[in-house]
Amino acid sequence: MTMPISSSLNPTAHIDALNRRQMDTTASRLLSEQNQSQVPGDDAALKEAFNDFVGQTFFGQLLSSLRSTQGEVAYFNGGRAEEIFQGQLDQVLTEKISEASADKIADPMYDLFRLPRS
């Protein structure tokens, strides 16, 4: 009986390869079971989470950068009250913009997230 040279010289490498193969098959089985057991309501909630993520991060940062480029006007500065109002206004604008167009950015992210991994 002939044994492969690599396993006769290094038995731990052979055991490691077997363990890795077993972990890969277990992981792929678990992923396929998870994909089959997804509830459609969870899918909609996940898609909504992607839309919220895009709205809060991308559009929020966009408006924040826009506000940082504007300088203060000497005669029409509202002080701290204006800063608070602008923060609330930016939050509402972020929500409205994300409702209108977040899906154009979030849908490709969601599709990539849902791809099966091997």
Protein backbone atom coordinates (compact mmCIF):
# COMPACT_ATOMS: atom_id res chain seq x y z
CA MET A 1 0.00 0.00 0.00
CA THR A 2 1.43 3.35 -1.00
CA MET A 3 0.67 6.52 0.92
CA PRO A 4 1.03 9.94 -0.59
CA ILE A 5 4.37 11.48 0.18
CA SER A 6 2.93 14.63 1.73
CA SER A 7 0.77 12.73 4.26
CA SER A 8 3.55 10.33 5.24
CA LEU A 9 5.96 13.17 5.87
CA ASN A 10 3.53 15.61 7.50
CA PRO A 11 0.43 13.96 9.01
CA THR A 12 -0.83 17.22 10.51
CA ALA A 13 -1.08 18.81 7.03
CA HIS A 14 -3.31 15.92 5.92
CA ILE A 15 -5.53 16.31 9.02
CA ASP A 16 -5.70 20.09 8.50
CA ALA A 17 -6.77 19.57 4.88
CA LEU A 18 -9.50 17.15 5.96
CA ASN A 19 -10.72 19.56 8.65
CA ARG A 20 -10.79 22.46 6.18
CA ARG A 21 -12.75 20.39 3.65
CA GLN A 22 -15.24 19.38 6.35
CA MET A 23 -15.64 22.99 7.53
CA ASP A 24 -16.19 24.15 3.94
CA THR A 25 -18.92 21.58 3.32
CA THR A 26 -20.57 22.39 6.67
CA ALA A 27 -20.47 26.12 5.96
CA SER A 28 -21.94 25.70 2.48
CA ARG A 29 -24.69 23.44 3.87
CA LEU A 30 -25.55 25.98 6.57
CA LEU A 31 -25.63 28.83 4.04
CA SER A 32 -27.94 26.89 1.75
CA GLU A 33 -30.24 26.04 4.66
CA GLN A 34 -30.24 29.68 5.72
CA ASN A 35 -31.11 30.84 2.19
CA GLN A 36 -33.96 28.32 1.98
CA SER A 37 -35.39 29.23 5.39
CA GLN A 38 -35.56 32.98 4.77
CA VAL A 39 -38.96 34.40 5.58
CA PRO A 40 -40.19 36.89 2.92
CA GLY A 41 -40.92 39.48 5.63
CA ASP A 42 -37.29 39.33 6.75
CA ASP A 43 -36.21 39.98 3.17
CA ALA A 44 -38.26 43.20 3.03
CA ALA A 45 -36.92 44.27 6.42
CA LEU A 46 -33.36 43.67 5.26
CA LYS A 47 -33.94 45.69 2.10
CA GLU A 48 -35.41 48.50 4.22
CA ALA A 49 -32.32 48.39 6.43
CA PHE A 50 -30.10 48.85 3.38
CA ASN A 51 -32.20 51.85 2.30
CA ASP A 52 -31.95 53.36 5.79
CA PHE A 53 -28.21 52.78 5.83
CA VAL A 54 -27.76 54.58 2.51
CA GLY A 55 -30.01 57.42 3.60
CA GLN A 56 -28.39 57.98 6.96
CA THR A 57 -24.78 57.60 5.89
CA PHE A 58 -24.46 58.70 2.30
CA PHE A 59 -27.04 61.47 2.10
CA GLY A 60 -26.41 62.61 5.68
CA GLN A 61 -22.70 63.01 4.97
CA LEU A 62 -23.50 64.73 1.69
CA LEU A 63 -25.62 67.38 3.41
CA SER A 64 -23.08 67.72 6.21
CA SER A 65 -20.31 68.40 3.67
CA LEU A 66 -22.55 70.91 1.92
CA ARG A 67 -23.17 72.78 5.17
CA SER A 68 -19.46 72.84 6.05
CA THR A 69 -18.59 74.68 2.82
CA GLN A 70 -20.92 77.57 3.64
CA GLY A 71 -19.56 80.41 5.67
CA GLU A 72 -21.48 82.34 8.31
CA VAL A 73 -23.15 85.55 7.18
CA ALA A 74 -22.28 88.46 9.45
CA TYR A 75 -25.70 90.12 9.58
CA PHE A 76 -28.04 87.13 9.34
CA ASN A 77 -26.47 84.67 11.75
CA GLY A 78 -29.12 82.92 13.86
CA GLY A 79 -26.65 81.59 16.41
CA ARG A 80 -27.22 78.29 18.21
CA ALA A 81 -30.92 78.21 17.31
CA GLU A 82 -30.06 78.27 13.61
CA GLU A 83 -27.56 75.43 14.07
CA ILE A 84 -30.21 73.31 15.81
CA PHE A 85 -32.77 74.08 13.12
CA GLN A 86 -30.29 73.26 10.35
CA GLY A 87 -29.55 69.91 12.01
CA GLN A 88 -33.25 69.08 12.15
CA LEU A 89 -33.76 70.31 8.59
CA ASP A 90 -30.86 68.16 7.38
CA GLN A 91 -32.37 65.13 9.11
CA VAL A 92 -35.74 65.66 7.40
CA LEU A 93 -34.06 66.31 4.05
CA THR A 94 -32.01 63.14 4.46
CA GLU A 95 -35.16 61.11 5.10
CA LYS A 96 -36.97 62.62 2.09
CA ILE A 97 -34.01 62.18 -0.25
CA SER A 98 -33.50 58.59 0.87
CA GLU A 99 -37.21 57.80 0.35
CA ALA A 100 -36.97 59.22 -3.15
CA SER A 101 -33.70 57.77 -4.39
CA ALA A 102 -31.89 55.54 -1.88
CA ASP A 103 -33.01 52.41 -3.71
CA LYS A 104 -30.82 53.30 -6.70
CA ILE A 105 -27.74 52.91 -4.52
CA ALA A 106 -29.03 50.42 -1.93
CA ASP A 107 -30.51 47.87 -4.37
CA PRO A 108 -27.16 46.93 -5.94
CA MET A 109 -25.64 46.70 -2.45
CA TYR A 110 -28.51 44.45 -1.37
CA ASP A 111 -28.16 42.26 -4.46
CA LEU A 112 -24.44 41.79 -3.78
CA PHE A 113 -25.20 40.98 -0.15
CA ARG A 114 -27.71 38.29 -1.15
CA LEU A 115 -25.34 36.51 -3.53
CA PRO A 116 -24.46 33.00 -2.36
CA ARG A 117 -20.99 32.77 -0.88
CA SER A 118 -18.77 29.77 -1.23
